Amino acid sequence: NAYNAELARLNAVDFGDIILKVLELFDKNPTVLAFYQNQFKYILVDEFQDTNKAQFELIRLLVGKNNLFMVGDVKQSIYKFRQACPDLFLKKYDTYSLGEANDDGLKIQLFKNFRSRANILDTTNMIFEDIMRFR
C-alpha cells in the first residue's frame, strides 16, 4: 500500500515496525535477546488487554524466566482497530491461581473501583456479561 511504500522510500519505520524489527533482531541474535532478558528482573505491562500478538511475543521473549506483572481488564479493551487481542490477556490470566502462589505465579483480583459509581459499574458488568455469553 501507499503508506508502506512511503515508509520504505523514507527508510522509516512506524511503531508496529519497531516491534517487528526487535522480534527479528531477537530471533537472529540469541545473545542480544539474552542480554535484554538479563536487564529486567521484573516486567510490568499495564493495559495488557490491549496488547496485540506482536507485542505479546515481545513481552514473552523479554520476560524469559523473569517475573511478569500484568494489569488489565478486558472490559476496557479499546484497541481492536490495531489488532489488540484481549483473549491473550484472558488466556494468560487464566493460567494463574487466585490468591495463592503456584509455579505459574499469583493472580490478584481487584474489585473496588474508586473512579466510577456503583450504578455505572453494575450496568457495565451486566452488558459485558451479555456480550461474553453470546461470543
N, C-alpha and C. Protein backbone atom coordinates (compact mmCIF):
# COMPACT_ATOMS: atom_id res chain seq x y z
N ASN A 1 0.82 -1.19 0.00
CA ASN A 1 0.00 0.00 0.00
C ASN A 1 0.87 1.26 0.00
N ALA A 2 0.25 2.39 -0.19
CA ALA A 2 0.98 3.66 -0.32
C ALA A 2 1.72 4.03 0.96
N TYR A 3 1.10 3.74 2.10
CA TYR A 3 1.73 4.06 3.38
C TYR A 3 3.05 3.34 3.54
N ASN A 4 3.05 2.01 3.32
CA ASN A 4 4.27 1.23 3.47
C ASN A 4 5.30 1.60 2.42
N ALA A 5 4.86 1.92 1.22
CA ALA A 5 5.78 2.35 0.16
C ALA A 5 6.48 3.64 0.57
N GLU A 6 5.72 4.56 1.16
CA GLU A 6 6.32 5.83 1.60
C GLU A 6 7.29 5.61 2.75
N LEU A 7 6.95 4.73 3.68
CA LEU A 7 7.89 4.40 4.75
C LEU A 7 9.19 3.85 4.17
N ALA A 8 9.07 2.94 3.23
CA ALA A 8 10.27 2.35 2.60
C ALA A 8 11.08 3.42 1.89
N ARG A 9 10.39 4.31 1.16
CA ARG A 9 11.08 5.38 0.43
C ARG A 9 11.85 6.28 1.39
N LEU A 10 11.28 6.55 2.55
CA LEU A 10 11.92 7.41 3.54
C LEU A 10 12.90 6.66 4.44
N ASN A 11 13.00 5.34 4.23
CA ASN A 11 13.82 4.50 5.11
C ASN A 11 13.39 4.70 6.57
N ALA A 12 12.07 4.66 6.78
CA ALA A 12 11.49 4.93 8.09
C ALA A 12 10.68 3.72 8.56
N VAL A 13 10.38 3.71 9.84
CA VAL A 13 9.53 2.67 10.41
C VAL A 13 8.50 3.34 11.31
N ASP A 14 7.38 2.65 11.51
CA ASP A 14 6.39 3.13 12.46
C ASP A 14 6.46 2.26 13.71
N PHE A 15 5.58 2.52 14.66
CA PHE A 15 5.63 1.82 15.95
C PHE A 15 5.54 0.31 15.77
N GLY A 16 4.60 -0.14 14.96
CA GLY A 16 4.46 -1.58 14.73
C GLY A 16 5.70 -2.19 14.12
N ASP A 17 6.32 -1.46 13.21
CA ASP A 17 7.55 -1.95 12.58
C ASP A 17 8.69 -2.07 13.59
N ILE A 18 8.74 -1.14 14.53
CA ILE A 18 9.80 -1.20 15.55
C ILE A 18 9.71 -2.52 16.30
N ILE A 19 8.51 -2.89 16.70
CA ILE A 19 8.33 -4.15 17.43
C ILE A 19 8.74 -5.34 16.55
N LEU A 20 8.31 -5.33 15.30
CA LEU A 20 8.68 -6.43 14.40
C LEU A 20 10.19 -6.50 14.17
N LYS A 21 10.85 -5.35 14.07
CA LYS A 21 12.31 -5.32 13.90
C LYS A 21 13.01 -5.88 15.14
N VAL A 22 12.49 -5.55 16.32
CA VAL A 22 13.09 -6.09 17.55
C VAL A 22 12.89 -7.60 17.61
N LEU A 23 11.70 -8.07 17.25
CA LEU A 23 11.46 -9.52 17.22
C LEU A 23 12.42 -10.21 16.25
N GLU A 24 12.63 -9.60 15.11
CA GLU A 24 13.57 -10.14 14.12
C GLU A 24 14.99 -10.15 14.69
N LEU A 25 15.38 -9.07 15.35
CA LEU A 25 16.70 -8.99 15.97
C LEU A 25 16.88 -10.10 17.00
N PHE A 26 15.89 -10.28 17.87
CA PHE A 26 15.99 -11.31 18.90
C PHE A 26 16.05 -12.71 18.29
N ASP A 27 15.30 -12.93 17.21
CA ASP A 27 15.29 -14.23 16.54
C ASP A 27 16.65 -14.55 15.93
N LYS A 28 17.28 -13.56 15.34
CA LYS A 28 18.55 -13.77 14.65
C LYS A 28 19.75 -13.70 15.58
N ASN A 29 19.58 -13.12 16.77
CA ASN A 29 20.71 -12.91 17.68
C ASN A 29 20.33 -13.29 19.11
N PRO A 30 20.39 -14.58 19.43
CA PRO A 30 20.03 -15.02 20.78
C PRO A 30 20.84 -14.35 21.89
N THR A 31 22.07 -13.95 21.60
CA THR A 31 22.87 -13.26 22.63
C THR A 31 22.30 -11.88 22.93
N VAL A 32 21.76 -11.21 21.93
CA VAL A 32 21.12 -9.91 22.17
C VAL A 32 19.86 -10.11 23.01
N LEU A 33 19.07 -11.13 22.68
CA LEU A 33 17.88 -11.44 23.47
C LEU A 33 18.28 -11.73 24.91
N ALA A 34 19.29 -12.56 25.12
CA ALA A 34 19.74 -12.91 26.47
C ALA A 34 20.19 -11.66 27.23
N PHE A 35 20.88 -10.76 26.54
CA PHE A 35 21.32 -9.51 27.17
C PHE A 35 20.12 -8.76 27.72
N TYR A 36 19.07 -8.60 26.92
CA TYR A 36 17.90 -7.84 27.37
C TYR A 36 17.08 -8.60 28.40
N GLN A 37 17.04 -9.92 28.31
CA GLN A 37 16.34 -10.69 29.34
C GLN A 37 17.03 -10.50 30.70
N ASN A 38 18.34 -10.35 30.68
CA ASN A 38 19.09 -10.17 31.92
C ASN A 38 19.04 -8.74 32.46
N GLN A 39 18.49 -7.82 31.70
CA GLN A 39 18.38 -6.43 32.14
C GLN A 39 17.22 -6.21 33.10
N PHE A 40 16.22 -7.10 33.04
CA PHE A 40 14.98 -6.88 33.78
C PHE A 40 14.65 -8.08 34.65
N LYS A 41 14.58 -7.87 35.95
CA LYS A 41 14.14 -8.93 36.84
C LYS A 41 12.62 -8.97 36.89
N TYR A 42 12.00 -7.79 36.75
CA TYR A 42 10.55 -7.67 36.78
C TYR A 42 10.10 -6.86 35.56
N ILE A 43 9.02 -7.28 34.95
CA ILE A 43 8.43 -6.54 33.84
C ILE A 43 6.95 -6.32 34.16
N LEU A 44 6.52 -5.06 34.09
CA LEU A 44 5.14 -4.70 34.33
C LEU A 44 4.53 -4.24 33.01
N VAL A 45 3.40 -4.82 32.66
CA VAL A 45 2.67 -4.40 31.46
C VAL A 45 1.30 -3.93 31.91
N ASP A 46 1.05 -2.64 31.78
CA ASP A 46 -0.25 -2.07 32.10
C ASP A 46 -1.11 -2.13 30.84
N GLU A 47 -2.41 -2.18 31.02
CA GLU A 47 -3.38 -2.27 29.90
C GLU A 47 -3.08 -3.50 29.02
N PHE A 48 -2.76 -4.60 29.69
CA PHE A 48 -2.38 -5.83 28.98
C PHE A 48 -3.47 -6.28 28.01
N GLN A 49 -4.73 -5.95 28.30
CA GLN A 49 -5.82 -6.37 27.43
C GLN A 49 -5.72 -5.74 26.04
N ASP A 50 -4.91 -4.72 25.88
CA ASP A 50 -4.78 -4.05 24.59
C ASP A 50 -3.51 -4.42 23.84
N THR A 51 -2.84 -5.49 24.27
CA THR A 51 -1.66 -5.93 23.52
C THR A 51 -2.10 -6.72 22.29
N ASN A 52 -1.31 -6.62 21.25
CA ASN A 52 -1.56 -7.43 20.05
C ASN A 52 -0.58 -8.60 20.05
N LYS A 53 -0.65 -9.44 19.03
CA LYS A 53 0.17 -10.66 19.03
C LYS A 53 1.66 -10.36 18.99
N ALA A 54 2.07 -9.34 18.23
CA ALA A 54 3.50 -9.00 18.17
C ALA A 54 3.98 -8.47 19.52
N GLN A 55 3.20 -7.62 20.15
CA GLN A 55 3.56 -7.10 21.47
C GLN A 55 3.61 -8.22 22.50
N PHE A 56 2.66 -9.14 22.42
CA PHE A 56 2.62 -10.27 23.33
C PHE A 56 3.89 -11.12 23.17
N GLU A 57 4.30 -11.34 21.93
CA GLU A 57 5.51 -12.12 21.66
C GLU A 57 6.74 -11.40 22.21
N LEU A 58 6.81 -10.10 22.03
CA LEU A 58 7.93 -9.33 22.57
C LEU A 58 7.98 -9.45 24.09
N ILE A 59 6.84 -9.32 24.73
CA ILE A 59 6.77 -9.46 26.19
C ILE A 59 7.22 -10.85 26.60
N ARG A 60 6.70 -11.87 25.90
CA ARG A 60 7.05 -13.26 26.22
C ARG A 60 8.57 -13.47 26.14
N LEU A 61 9.17 -12.95 25.08
CA LEU A 61 10.61 -13.12 24.91
C LEU A 61 11.40 -12.36 25.98
N LEU A 62 11.01 -11.13 26.25
CA LEU A 62 11.74 -10.34 27.24
C LEU A 62 11.63 -10.93 28.64
N VAL A 63 10.47 -11.45 28.97
CA VAL A 63 10.25 -11.99 30.31
C VAL A 63 11.16 -13.19 30.54
N GLY A 64 11.27 -14.08 29.55
CA GLY A 64 12.10 -15.27 29.75
C GLY A 64 11.72 -15.96 31.03
N LYS A 65 12.65 -16.06 31.97
CA LYS A 65 12.40 -16.68 33.27
C LYS A 65 12.16 -15.62 34.35
N ASN A 66 12.00 -14.38 33.94
CA ASN A 66 11.79 -13.28 34.89
C ASN A 66 10.34 -13.21 35.32
N ASN A 67 10.02 -12.20 36.07
CA ASN A 67 8.70 -12.02 36.64
C ASN A 67 7.88 -11.04 35.82
N LEU A 68 6.69 -11.45 35.45
CA LEU A 68 5.77 -10.61 34.70
C LEU A 68 4.63 -10.17 35.60
N PHE A 69 4.36 -8.88 35.60
CA PHE A 69 3.23 -8.32 36.34
C PHE A 69 2.31 -7.71 35.31
N MET A 70 1.11 -8.28 35.17
CA MET A 70 0.14 -7.83 34.17
C MET A 70 -0.99 -7.09 34.87
N VAL A 71 -1.39 -5.98 34.28
CA VAL A 71 -2.54 -5.23 34.78
C VAL A 71 -3.48 -5.06 33.60
N GLY A 72 -4.74 -5.40 33.79
CA GLY A 72 -5.66 -5.23 32.68
C GLY A 72 -7.08 -5.59 33.04
N ASP A 73 -7.97 -5.23 32.15
CA ASP A 73 -9.39 -5.52 32.29
C ASP A 73 -9.96 -5.62 30.89
N VAL A 74 -10.37 -6.81 30.49
CA VAL A 74 -10.87 -6.99 29.12
C VAL A 74 -12.08 -6.12 28.82
N LYS A 75 -12.79 -5.71 29.86
CA LYS A 75 -13.94 -4.83 29.66
C LYS A 75 -13.50 -3.45 29.17
N GLN A 76 -12.24 -3.15 29.32
CA GLN A 76 -11.73 -1.84 28.91
C GLN A 76 -10.88 -1.89 27.66
N SER A 77 -10.92 -2.99 26.94
CA SER A 77 -10.13 -3.10 25.72
C SER A 77 -10.70 -2.17 24.65
N ILE A 78 -9.86 -1.28 24.13
CA ILE A 78 -10.34 -0.28 23.17
C ILE A 78 -9.51 -0.25 21.88
N TYR A 79 -8.56 -1.16 21.73
CA TYR A 79 -7.66 -1.07 20.58
C TYR A 79 -7.80 -2.22 19.58
N LYS A 80 -8.99 -2.75 19.43
CA LYS A 80 -9.20 -3.81 18.43
C LYS A 80 -8.81 -3.33 17.03
N PHE A 81 -8.99 -2.03 16.77
CA PHE A 81 -8.68 -1.48 15.45
C PHE A 81 -7.19 -1.59 15.12
N ARG A 82 -6.36 -1.78 16.15
CA ARG A 82 -4.94 -2.00 15.90
C ARG A 82 -4.52 -3.41 16.34
N GLN A 83 -5.47 -4.34 16.17
CA GLN A 83 -5.28 -5.78 16.40
C GLN A 83 -5.04 -6.17 17.85
N ALA A 84 -5.52 -5.38 18.81
CA ALA A 84 -5.44 -5.80 20.21
C ALA A 84 -6.22 -7.10 20.37
N CYS A 85 -5.68 -8.01 21.18
CA CYS A 85 -6.29 -9.32 21.40
C CYS A 85 -6.55 -9.52 22.89
N PRO A 86 -7.71 -9.07 23.38
CA PRO A 86 -8.00 -9.26 24.80
C PRO A 86 -7.94 -10.72 25.21
N ASP A 87 -8.16 -11.64 24.28
CA ASP A 87 -8.09 -13.06 24.60
C ASP A 87 -6.70 -13.48 25.05
N LEU A 88 -5.65 -12.78 24.58
CA LEU A 88 -4.30 -13.08 25.05
C LEU A 88 -4.19 -12.83 26.55
N PHE A 89 -4.80 -11.75 26.99
CA PHE A 89 -4.81 -11.43 28.43
C PHE A 89 -5.59 -12.49 29.18
N LEU A 90 -6.77 -12.85 28.67
CA LEU A 90 -7.59 -13.85 29.35
C LEU A 90 -6.89 -15.19 29.45
N LYS A 91 -6.24 -15.63 28.37
CA LYS A 91 -5.52 -16.91 28.40
C LYS A 91 -4.40 -16.87 29.43
N LYS A 92 -3.63 -15.79 29.43
CA LYS A 92 -2.54 -15.67 30.39
C LYS A 92 -3.09 -15.57 31.81
N TYR A 93 -4.14 -14.79 31.97
CA TYR A 93 -4.77 -14.59 33.27
C TYR A 93 -5.31 -15.91 33.82
N ASP A 94 -5.90 -16.72 32.98
CA ASP A 94 -6.49 -17.99 33.42
C ASP A 94 -5.44 -19.00 33.87
N THR A 95 -4.16 -18.80 33.50
CA THR A 95 -3.13 -19.76 33.91
C THR A 95 -2.70 -19.55 35.36
N TYR A 96 -3.12 -18.44 35.96
CA TYR A 96 -2.71 -18.16 37.32
C TYR A 96 -3.78 -18.55 38.31
N SER A 97 -3.35 -18.96 39.49
CA SER A 97 -4.30 -19.31 40.53
C SER A 97 -4.82 -18.03 41.18
N LEU A 98 -5.86 -18.15 41.93
CA LEU A 98 -6.44 -16.98 42.60
C LEU A 98 -6.00 -16.95 44.05
N GLY A 99 -5.17 -15.99 44.38
CA GLY A 99 -4.81 -15.75 45.77
C GLY A 99 -3.77 -16.68 46.37
N GLU A 100 -3.21 -17.56 45.60
CA GLU A 100 -2.14 -18.41 46.14
C GLU A 100 -1.07 -18.60 45.09
N ALA A 101 0.16 -18.63 45.53
CA ALA A 101 1.28 -18.77 44.60
C ALA A 101 1.34 -20.21 44.09
N ASN A 102 1.71 -20.36 42.85
CA ASN A 102 2.00 -21.67 42.28
C ASN A 102 3.16 -21.49 41.30
N ASP A 103 3.47 -22.52 40.52
CA ASP A 103 4.60 -22.43 39.60
C ASP A 103 4.42 -21.33 38.57
N ASP A 104 3.19 -21.03 38.22
CA ASP A 104 2.92 -20.02 37.21
C ASP A 104 2.85 -18.61 37.78
N GLY A 105 2.64 -18.47 39.04
CA GLY A 105 2.55 -17.14 39.62
C GLY A 105 1.35 -16.97 40.50
N LEU A 106 0.94 -15.74 40.66
CA LEU A 106 -0.12 -15.37 41.57
C LEU A 106 -1.09 -14.46 40.84
N LYS A 107 -2.37 -14.70 41.00
CA LYS A 107 -3.40 -13.85 40.41
C LYS A 107 -4.09 -13.12 41.53
N ILE A 108 -4.17 -11.82 41.39
CA ILE A 108 -4.86 -10.98 42.38
C ILE A 108 -5.93 -10.20 41.64
N GLN A 109 -7.15 -10.32 42.10
CA GLN A 109 -8.24 -9.57 41.50
C GLN A 109 -8.60 -8.40 42.39
N LEU A 110 -8.83 -7.26 41.77
CA LEU A 110 -9.26 -6.07 42.49
C LEU A 110 -10.72 -5.83 42.15
N PHE A 111 -11.53 -5.63 43.17
CA PHE A 111 -12.97 -5.49 42.95
C PHE A 111 -13.49 -4.09 43.21
N LYS A 112 -12.69 -3.24 43.82
CA LYS A 112 -13.16 -1.88 44.09
C LYS A 112 -12.69 -0.95 42.99
N ASN A 113 -13.59 -0.09 42.59
CA ASN A 113 -13.28 0.92 41.59
C ASN A 113 -13.62 2.26 42.23
N PHE A 114 -12.63 3.09 42.35
CA PHE A 114 -12.84 4.37 43.02
C PHE A 114 -13.13 5.50 42.04
N ARG A 115 -13.18 5.18 40.74
CA ARG A 115 -13.42 6.22 39.75
C ARG A 115 -14.86 6.26 39.25
N SER A 116 -15.62 5.18 39.44
CA SER A 116 -16.98 5.11 38.90
C SER A 116 -17.97 4.78 39.99
N ARG A 117 -19.19 5.27 39.82
CA ARG A 117 -20.27 4.98 40.77
C ARG A 117 -20.78 3.56 40.55
N ALA A 118 -21.38 3.01 41.57
CA ALA A 118 -21.85 1.62 41.54
C ALA A 118 -22.83 1.37 40.40
N ASN A 119 -23.76 2.31 40.14
CA ASN A 119 -24.75 2.07 39.08
C ASN A 119 -24.09 2.00 37.71
N ILE A 120 -23.01 2.74 37.48
CA ILE A 120 -22.27 2.67 36.21
C ILE A 120 -21.58 1.31 36.09
N LEU A 121 -20.93 0.90 37.17
CA LEU A 121 -20.24 -0.40 37.16
C LEU A 121 -21.22 -1.55 36.99
N ASP A 122 -22.33 -1.50 37.70
CA ASP A 122 -23.34 -2.57 37.59
C ASP A 122 -23.85 -2.69 36.16
N THR A 123 -24.16 -1.57 35.53
CA THR A 123 -24.66 -1.58 34.15
C THR A 123 -23.60 -2.10 33.19
N THR A 124 -22.39 -1.63 33.36
CA THR A 124 -21.28 -2.08 32.50
C THR A 124 -21.07 -3.58 32.65
N ASN A 125 -21.05 -4.07 33.86
CA ASN A 125 -20.85 -5.50 34.09
C ASN A 125 -21.98 -6.33 33.50
N MET A 126 -23.20 -5.86 33.60
CA MET A 126 -24.35 -6.56 33.03
C MET A 126 -24.23 -6.64 31.50
N ILE A 127 -23.89 -5.53 30.87
CA ILE A 127 -23.73 -5.52 29.41
C ILE A 127 -22.58 -6.43 29.00
N PHE A 128 -21.47 -6.35 29.71
CA PHE A 128 -20.31 -7.17 29.37
C PHE A 128 -20.63 -8.65 29.51
N GLU A 129 -21.34 -9.03 30.56
CA GLU A 129 -21.72 -10.44 30.74
C GLU A 129 -22.59 -10.92 29.59
N ASP A 130 -23.52 -10.08 29.12
CA ASP A 130 -24.35 -10.43 27.96
C ASP A 130 -23.49 -10.61 26.71
N ILE A 131 -22.54 -9.72 26.50
CA ILE A 131 -21.67 -9.82 25.34
C ILE A 131 -20.86 -11.11 25.40
N MET A 132 -20.27 -11.41 26.54
CA MET A 132 -19.45 -12.62 26.69
C MET A 132 -20.29 -13.89 26.52
N ARG A 133 -21.54 -13.85 26.91
CA ARG A 133 -22.40 -15.02 26.79
C ARG A 133 -22.66 -15.37 25.31
N PHE A 134 -22.69 -14.36 24.45
CA PHE A 134 -23.01 -14.58 23.04
C PHE A 134 -21.78 -14.67 22.15
N ARG A 135 -20.60 -14.67 22.71
CA ARG A 135 -19.36 -14.78 21.92
C ARG A 135 -19.16 -16.16 21.39
